[in-house]
Amino acid sequence: MKLLFKHCLALNLLFVSLLVISIDSVAKTTDKSTKIKIKCHVELMGGNDIIHFGIIGSNKLAKYPDWLVGKKIATGFSKQKQQVHQVKECVKSNDDFSNALSKKLDENTAR
């Protein structure tokens, strides 16, 4: 009888553990925001303007320009990463920039 009780207790503990892990996994999956492709018109230290491309959580787009200032990013014209001085505008990659200079730079940027 004690052996049967121990088996039932062990199975219940296993079941509860698996249930908790499953619920935790689902919660983490639904908490993550969907990823979106973005493009930003940035000015690098030294004055060069480029279009920076990235993939971020959709809920981070509004704060991304502030976060990007001071970060070093890869560019097409240098092997070394370059530091961002200023972010002029960030939009989803399929959207158009509102700034005329950003639009022109985007048109001239190779993909």
N, C-alpha and C. Protein backbone atom coordinates (compact mmCIF):
# COMPACT_ATOMS: atom_id res chain seq x y z
N MET A 1 0.83 -1.20 0.00
CA MET A 1 0.00 0.00 0.00
C MET A 1 0.87 1.26 0.00
N LYS A 2 1.93 1.24 0.82
CA LYS A 2 2.82 2.40 0.86
C LYS A 2 3.50 2.62 -0.49
N LEU A 3 3.87 1.53 -1.16
CA LEU A 3 4.53 1.63 -2.46
C LEU A 3 3.58 2.25 -3.49
N LEU A 4 2.34 1.86 -3.49
CA LEU A 4 1.34 2.42 -4.38
C LEU A 4 1.14 3.91 -4.10
N PHE A 5 1.11 4.28 -2.85
CA PHE A 5 0.96 5.69 -2.46
C PHE A 5 2.16 6.50 -2.95
N LYS A 6 3.37 5.96 -2.81
CA LYS A 6 4.57 6.66 -3.26
C LYS A 6 4.56 6.84 -4.78
N HIS A 7 4.09 5.81 -5.51
CA HIS A 7 4.01 5.92 -6.96
C HIS A 7 3.01 7.00 -7.38
N CYS A 8 1.87 7.01 -6.73
CA CYS A 8 0.85 8.02 -7.03
C CYS A 8 1.36 9.42 -6.71
N LEU A 9 2.04 9.58 -5.60
CA LEU A 9 2.60 10.86 -5.20
C LEU A 9 3.65 11.31 -6.21
N ALA A 10 4.52 10.40 -6.63
CA ALA A 10 5.56 10.72 -7.61
C ALA A 10 4.94 11.12 -8.94
N LEU A 11 3.92 10.41 -9.39
CA LEU A 11 3.26 10.75 -10.64
C LEU A 11 2.56 12.11 -10.56
N ASN A 12 1.93 12.39 -9.42
CA ASN A 12 1.28 13.69 -9.23
C ASN A 12 2.29 14.82 -9.26
N LEU A 13 3.41 14.63 -8.59
CA LEU A 13 4.47 15.65 -8.60
C LEU A 13 5.00 15.87 -10.01
N LEU A 14 5.20 14.79 -10.73
CA LEU A 14 5.67 14.89 -12.11
C LEU A 14 4.65 15.64 -12.97
N PHE A 15 3.40 15.30 -12.83
CA PHE A 15 2.34 15.96 -13.59
C PHE A 15 2.29 17.46 -13.28
N VAL A 16 2.34 17.82 -12.02
CA VAL A 16 2.30 19.22 -11.61
C VAL A 16 3.52 19.96 -12.15
N SER A 17 4.69 19.35 -12.08
CA SER A 17 5.91 19.98 -12.59
C SER A 17 5.81 20.25 -14.09
N LEU A 18 5.33 19.25 -14.82
CA LEU A 18 5.18 19.43 -16.27
C LEU A 18 4.14 20.49 -16.60
N LEU A 19 3.09 20.54 -15.83
CA LEU A 19 2.06 21.55 -16.04
C LEU A 19 2.61 22.96 -15.80
N VAL A 20 3.38 23.12 -14.73
CA VAL A 20 3.97 24.43 -14.42
C VAL A 20 4.94 24.84 -15.52
N ILE A 21 5.76 23.92 -15.98
CA ILE A 21 6.72 24.23 -17.05
C ILE A 21 5.98 24.61 -18.32
N SER A 22 4.91 23.90 -18.66
CA SER A 22 4.13 24.21 -19.86
C SER A 22 3.49 25.59 -19.78
N ILE A 23 2.91 25.90 -18.65
CA ILE A 23 2.27 27.21 -18.46
C ILE A 23 3.31 28.31 -18.55
N ASP A 24 4.46 28.10 -17.94
CA ASP A 24 5.54 29.08 -17.98
C ASP A 24 6.02 29.31 -19.40
N SER A 25 6.16 28.24 -20.18
CA SER A 25 6.60 28.35 -21.57
C SER A 25 5.60 29.13 -22.41
N VAL A 26 4.33 28.85 -22.23
CA VAL A 26 3.29 29.56 -22.97
C VAL A 26 3.29 31.04 -22.58
N ALA A 27 3.45 31.34 -21.32
CA ALA A 27 3.46 32.73 -20.86
C ALA A 27 4.64 33.48 -21.47
N LYS A 28 5.80 32.85 -21.51
CA LYS A 28 6.97 33.52 -22.09
C LYS A 28 6.79 33.73 -23.58
N THR A 29 6.17 32.79 -24.26
CA THR A 29 5.95 32.92 -25.70
C THR A 29 4.98 34.05 -25.99
N THR A 30 3.92 34.17 -25.23
CA THR A 30 2.94 35.21 -25.50
C THR A 30 3.40 36.58 -25.01
N ASP A 31 4.33 36.63 -24.05
CA ASP A 31 4.84 37.91 -23.57
C ASP A 31 5.76 38.57 -24.60
N LYS A 32 6.44 37.76 -25.39
CA LYS A 32 7.36 38.32 -26.38
C LYS A 32 6.55 39.05 -27.44
N SER A 33 7.04 40.23 -27.80
CA SER A 33 6.36 40.95 -28.86
C SER A 33 6.80 40.37 -30.20
N THR A 34 6.03 40.60 -31.20
CA THR A 34 6.41 40.14 -32.53
C THR A 34 7.56 40.98 -33.04
N LYS A 35 8.43 40.38 -33.79
CA LYS A 35 9.60 41.07 -34.34
C LYS A 35 9.20 41.79 -35.62
N ILE A 36 9.77 42.97 -35.81
CA ILE A 36 9.54 43.74 -37.03
C ILE A 36 10.87 44.21 -37.58
N LYS A 37 10.91 44.39 -38.90
CA LYS A 37 12.09 44.95 -39.55
C LYS A 37 11.92 46.46 -39.57
N ILE A 38 13.01 47.15 -39.24
CA ILE A 38 12.96 48.62 -39.22
C ILE A 38 14.13 49.20 -40.00
N LYS A 39 14.01 50.49 -40.29
CA LYS A 39 15.12 51.24 -40.88
C LYS A 39 15.16 52.59 -40.17
N CYS A 40 16.38 53.07 -39.93
CA CYS A 40 16.56 54.34 -39.24
C CYS A 40 17.55 55.20 -40.01
N HIS A 41 17.23 56.46 -40.14
CA HIS A 41 18.17 57.44 -40.67
C HIS A 41 19.00 57.92 -39.49
N VAL A 42 20.31 57.61 -39.52
CA VAL A 42 21.18 57.98 -38.41
C VAL A 42 22.35 58.81 -38.90
N GLU A 43 22.81 59.68 -38.03
CA GLU A 43 24.04 60.44 -38.26
C GLU A 43 25.11 59.82 -37.37
N LEU A 44 26.23 59.46 -37.99
CA LEU A 44 27.32 58.86 -37.25
C LEU A 44 28.26 59.95 -36.72
N MET A 45 29.08 59.61 -35.75
CA MET A 45 30.11 60.54 -35.30
C MET A 45 30.98 60.84 -36.51
N GLY A 46 31.23 62.09 -36.76
CA GLY A 46 31.98 62.47 -37.94
C GLY A 46 31.09 63.05 -39.02
N GLY A 47 29.78 62.91 -38.87
CA GLY A 47 28.84 63.57 -39.77
C GLY A 47 28.25 62.75 -40.90
N ASN A 48 28.67 61.50 -41.11
CA ASN A 48 28.09 60.70 -42.18
C ASN A 48 26.66 60.28 -41.82
N ASP A 49 25.77 60.40 -42.80
CA ASP A 49 24.39 59.96 -42.64
C ASP A 49 24.22 58.64 -43.37
N ILE A 50 23.59 57.67 -42.70
CA ILE A 50 23.33 56.36 -43.31
C ILE A 50 21.94 55.88 -42.91
N ILE A 51 21.49 54.83 -43.60
CA ILE A 51 20.28 54.13 -43.20
C ILE A 51 20.73 52.87 -42.47
N HIS A 52 20.29 52.72 -41.25
CA HIS A 52 20.60 51.56 -40.42
C HIS A 52 19.38 50.64 -40.42
N PHE A 53 19.61 49.34 -40.64
CA PHE A 53 18.53 48.36 -40.66
C PHE A 53 18.61 47.47 -39.44
N GLY A 54 17.47 47.07 -38.92
CA GLY A 54 17.45 46.20 -37.75
C GLY A 54 16.15 45.42 -37.64
N ILE A 55 16.17 44.47 -36.72
CA ILE A 55 14.98 43.69 -36.38
C ILE A 55 14.80 43.81 -34.88
N ILE A 56 13.64 44.33 -34.48
CA ILE A 56 13.39 44.57 -33.05
C ILE A 56 11.98 44.13 -32.69
N GLY A 57 11.69 44.09 -31.42
CA GLY A 57 10.34 43.82 -30.96
C GLY A 57 9.44 44.99 -31.32
N SER A 58 8.23 44.70 -31.77
CA SER A 58 7.33 45.76 -32.22
C SER A 58 7.03 46.77 -31.12
N ASN A 59 7.09 46.35 -29.88
CA ASN A 59 6.81 47.27 -28.77
C ASN A 59 8.02 48.15 -28.44
N LYS A 60 9.14 47.99 -29.13
CA LYS A 60 10.34 48.76 -28.83
C LYS A 60 10.61 49.88 -29.85
N LEU A 61 9.80 49.97 -30.88
CA LEU A 61 10.05 50.95 -31.94
C LEU A 61 10.09 52.38 -31.43
N ALA A 62 9.20 52.74 -30.54
CA ALA A 62 9.13 54.11 -30.05
C ALA A 62 10.39 54.52 -29.27
N LYS A 63 10.97 53.58 -28.53
CA LYS A 63 12.13 53.90 -27.70
C LYS A 63 13.47 53.59 -28.39
N TYR A 64 13.42 52.93 -29.54
CA TYR A 64 14.64 52.50 -30.22
C TYR A 64 15.56 53.66 -30.59
N PRO A 65 15.05 54.78 -31.12
CA PRO A 65 15.96 55.89 -31.46
C PRO A 65 16.79 56.36 -30.27
N ASP A 66 16.19 56.50 -29.11
CA ASP A 66 16.94 56.93 -27.91
C ASP A 66 17.96 55.87 -27.51
N TRP A 67 17.59 54.61 -27.63
CA TRP A 67 18.49 53.52 -27.26
C TRP A 67 19.69 53.45 -28.20
N LEU A 68 19.48 53.76 -29.48
CA LEU A 68 20.51 53.62 -30.50
C LEU A 68 21.62 54.67 -30.40
N VAL A 69 21.29 55.84 -29.88
CA VAL A 69 22.29 56.92 -29.76
C VAL A 69 23.43 56.45 -28.87
N GLY A 70 24.65 56.59 -29.38
CA GLY A 70 25.85 56.19 -28.64
C GLY A 70 26.29 54.77 -28.91
N LYS A 71 25.44 53.95 -29.53
CA LYS A 71 25.79 52.57 -29.85
C LYS A 71 26.69 52.54 -31.08
N LYS A 72 27.51 51.50 -31.19
CA LYS A 72 28.34 51.30 -32.37
C LYS A 72 27.63 50.30 -33.28
N ILE A 73 27.53 50.67 -34.55
CA ILE A 73 26.83 49.84 -35.53
C ILE A 73 27.73 49.57 -36.73
N ALA A 74 27.46 48.47 -37.40
CA ALA A 74 28.19 48.13 -38.62
C ALA A 74 27.71 49.04 -39.75
N THR A 75 28.65 49.43 -40.59
CA THR A 75 28.33 50.26 -41.75
C THR A 75 28.94 49.61 -42.99
N GLY A 76 28.50 50.05 -44.15
CA GLY A 76 29.01 49.49 -45.40
C GLY A 76 30.34 50.08 -45.83
N PHE A 77 30.78 51.15 -45.18
CA PHE A 77 32.00 51.81 -45.65
C PHE A 77 33.18 51.67 -44.70
N SER A 78 33.05 50.88 -43.66
CA SER A 78 34.16 50.69 -42.73
C SER A 78 34.09 49.29 -42.13
N LYS A 79 35.27 48.69 -41.93
CA LYS A 79 35.30 47.38 -41.28
C LYS A 79 35.00 47.50 -39.79
N GLN A 80 35.32 48.66 -39.23
CA GLN A 80 35.04 48.89 -37.82
C GLN A 80 33.64 49.48 -37.65
N LYS A 81 33.03 49.13 -36.55
CA LYS A 81 31.71 49.69 -36.25
C LYS A 81 31.86 51.18 -35.96
N GLN A 82 30.83 51.92 -36.30
CA GLN A 82 30.83 53.37 -36.12
C GLN A 82 29.79 53.76 -35.07
N GLN A 83 30.09 54.79 -34.30
CA GLN A 83 29.18 55.21 -33.23
C GLN A 83 28.11 56.14 -33.77
N VAL A 84 26.89 55.91 -33.31
CA VAL A 84 25.74 56.73 -33.70
C VAL A 84 25.75 58.02 -32.88
N HIS A 85 25.71 59.14 -33.58
CA HIS A 85 25.66 60.44 -32.91
C HIS A 85 24.21 60.88 -32.69
N GLN A 86 23.39 60.68 -33.72
CA GLN A 86 22.01 61.14 -33.66
C GLN A 86 21.13 60.25 -34.53
N VAL A 87 19.92 59.99 -34.07
CA VAL A 87 18.93 59.25 -34.87
C VAL A 87 17.90 60.27 -35.34
N LYS A 88 17.78 60.39 -36.65
CA LYS A 88 16.87 61.40 -37.20
C LYS A 88 15.45 60.87 -37.36
N GLU A 89 15.33 59.56 -37.70
CA GLU A 89 14.00 58.99 -37.87
C GLU A 89 14.09 57.47 -37.98
N CYS A 90 13.13 56.77 -37.38
CA CYS A 90 13.02 55.31 -37.50
C CYS A 90 11.59 54.96 -37.91
N VAL A 91 11.47 54.04 -38.87
CA VAL A 91 10.17 53.56 -39.33
C VAL A 91 10.27 52.07 -39.63
N LYS A 92 9.11 51.43 -39.78
CA LYS A 92 9.11 50.04 -40.23
C LYS A 92 9.71 50.00 -41.63
N SER A 93 10.38 48.90 -41.96
CA SER A 93 11.14 48.83 -43.21
C SER A 93 10.28 49.04 -44.46
N ASN A 94 9.00 48.71 -44.41
CA ASN A 94 8.13 48.91 -45.57
C ASN A 94 7.51 50.29 -45.62
N ASP A 95 7.64 51.06 -44.55
CA ASP A 95 7.07 52.41 -44.50
C ASP A 95 8.03 53.42 -45.11
N ASP A 96 7.48 54.58 -45.46
CA ASP A 96 8.30 55.66 -45.99
C ASP A 96 8.69 56.61 -44.87
N PHE A 97 9.88 57.19 -44.99
CA PHE A 97 10.29 58.22 -44.05
C PHE A 97 9.46 59.47 -44.32
N SER A 98 9.28 60.30 -43.30
CA SER A 98 8.54 61.55 -43.49
C SER A 98 9.50 62.68 -43.88
N ASN A 99 10.74 62.61 -43.45
CA ASN A 99 11.75 63.62 -43.74
C ASN A 99 12.25 63.46 -45.19
N ALA A 100 12.33 64.55 -45.94
CA ALA A 100 12.74 64.51 -47.34
C ALA A 100 14.18 64.00 -47.49
N LEU A 101 15.09 64.43 -46.62
CA LEU A 101 16.47 63.97 -46.68
C LEU A 101 16.57 62.48 -46.38
N SER A 102 15.77 62.00 -45.43
CA SER A 102 15.74 60.58 -45.11
C SER A 102 15.23 59.77 -46.29
N LYS A 103 14.19 60.28 -46.97
CA LYS A 103 13.64 59.60 -48.15
C LYS A 103 14.69 59.48 -49.24
N LYS A 104 15.41 60.57 -49.50
CA LYS A 104 16.43 60.59 -50.55
C LYS A 104 17.56 59.61 -50.21
N LEU A 105 18.01 59.62 -48.97
CA LEU A 105 19.05 58.71 -48.51
C LEU A 105 18.59 57.26 -48.65
N ASP A 106 17.33 56.99 -48.31
CA ASP A 106 16.77 55.65 -48.41
C ASP A 106 16.75 55.18 -49.86
N GLU A 107 16.36 56.07 -50.78
CA GLU A 107 16.32 55.71 -52.20
C GLU A 107 17.71 55.33 -52.72
N ASN A 108 18.74 55.99 -52.19
CA ASN A 108 20.10 55.76 -52.66
C ASN A 108 20.85 54.68 -51.88
N THR A 109 20.18 54.02 -50.96
CA THR A 109 20.81 52.98 -50.15
C THR A 109 20.56 51.61 -50.77
N ALA A 110 21.66 50.89 -51.00
CA ALA A 110 21.55 49.54 -51.56
C ALA A 110 20.96 48.59 -50.52
N ARG A 111 20.21 47.63 -50.98
CA ARG A 111 19.62 46.64 -50.09
C ARG A 111 20.28 45.31 -50.30
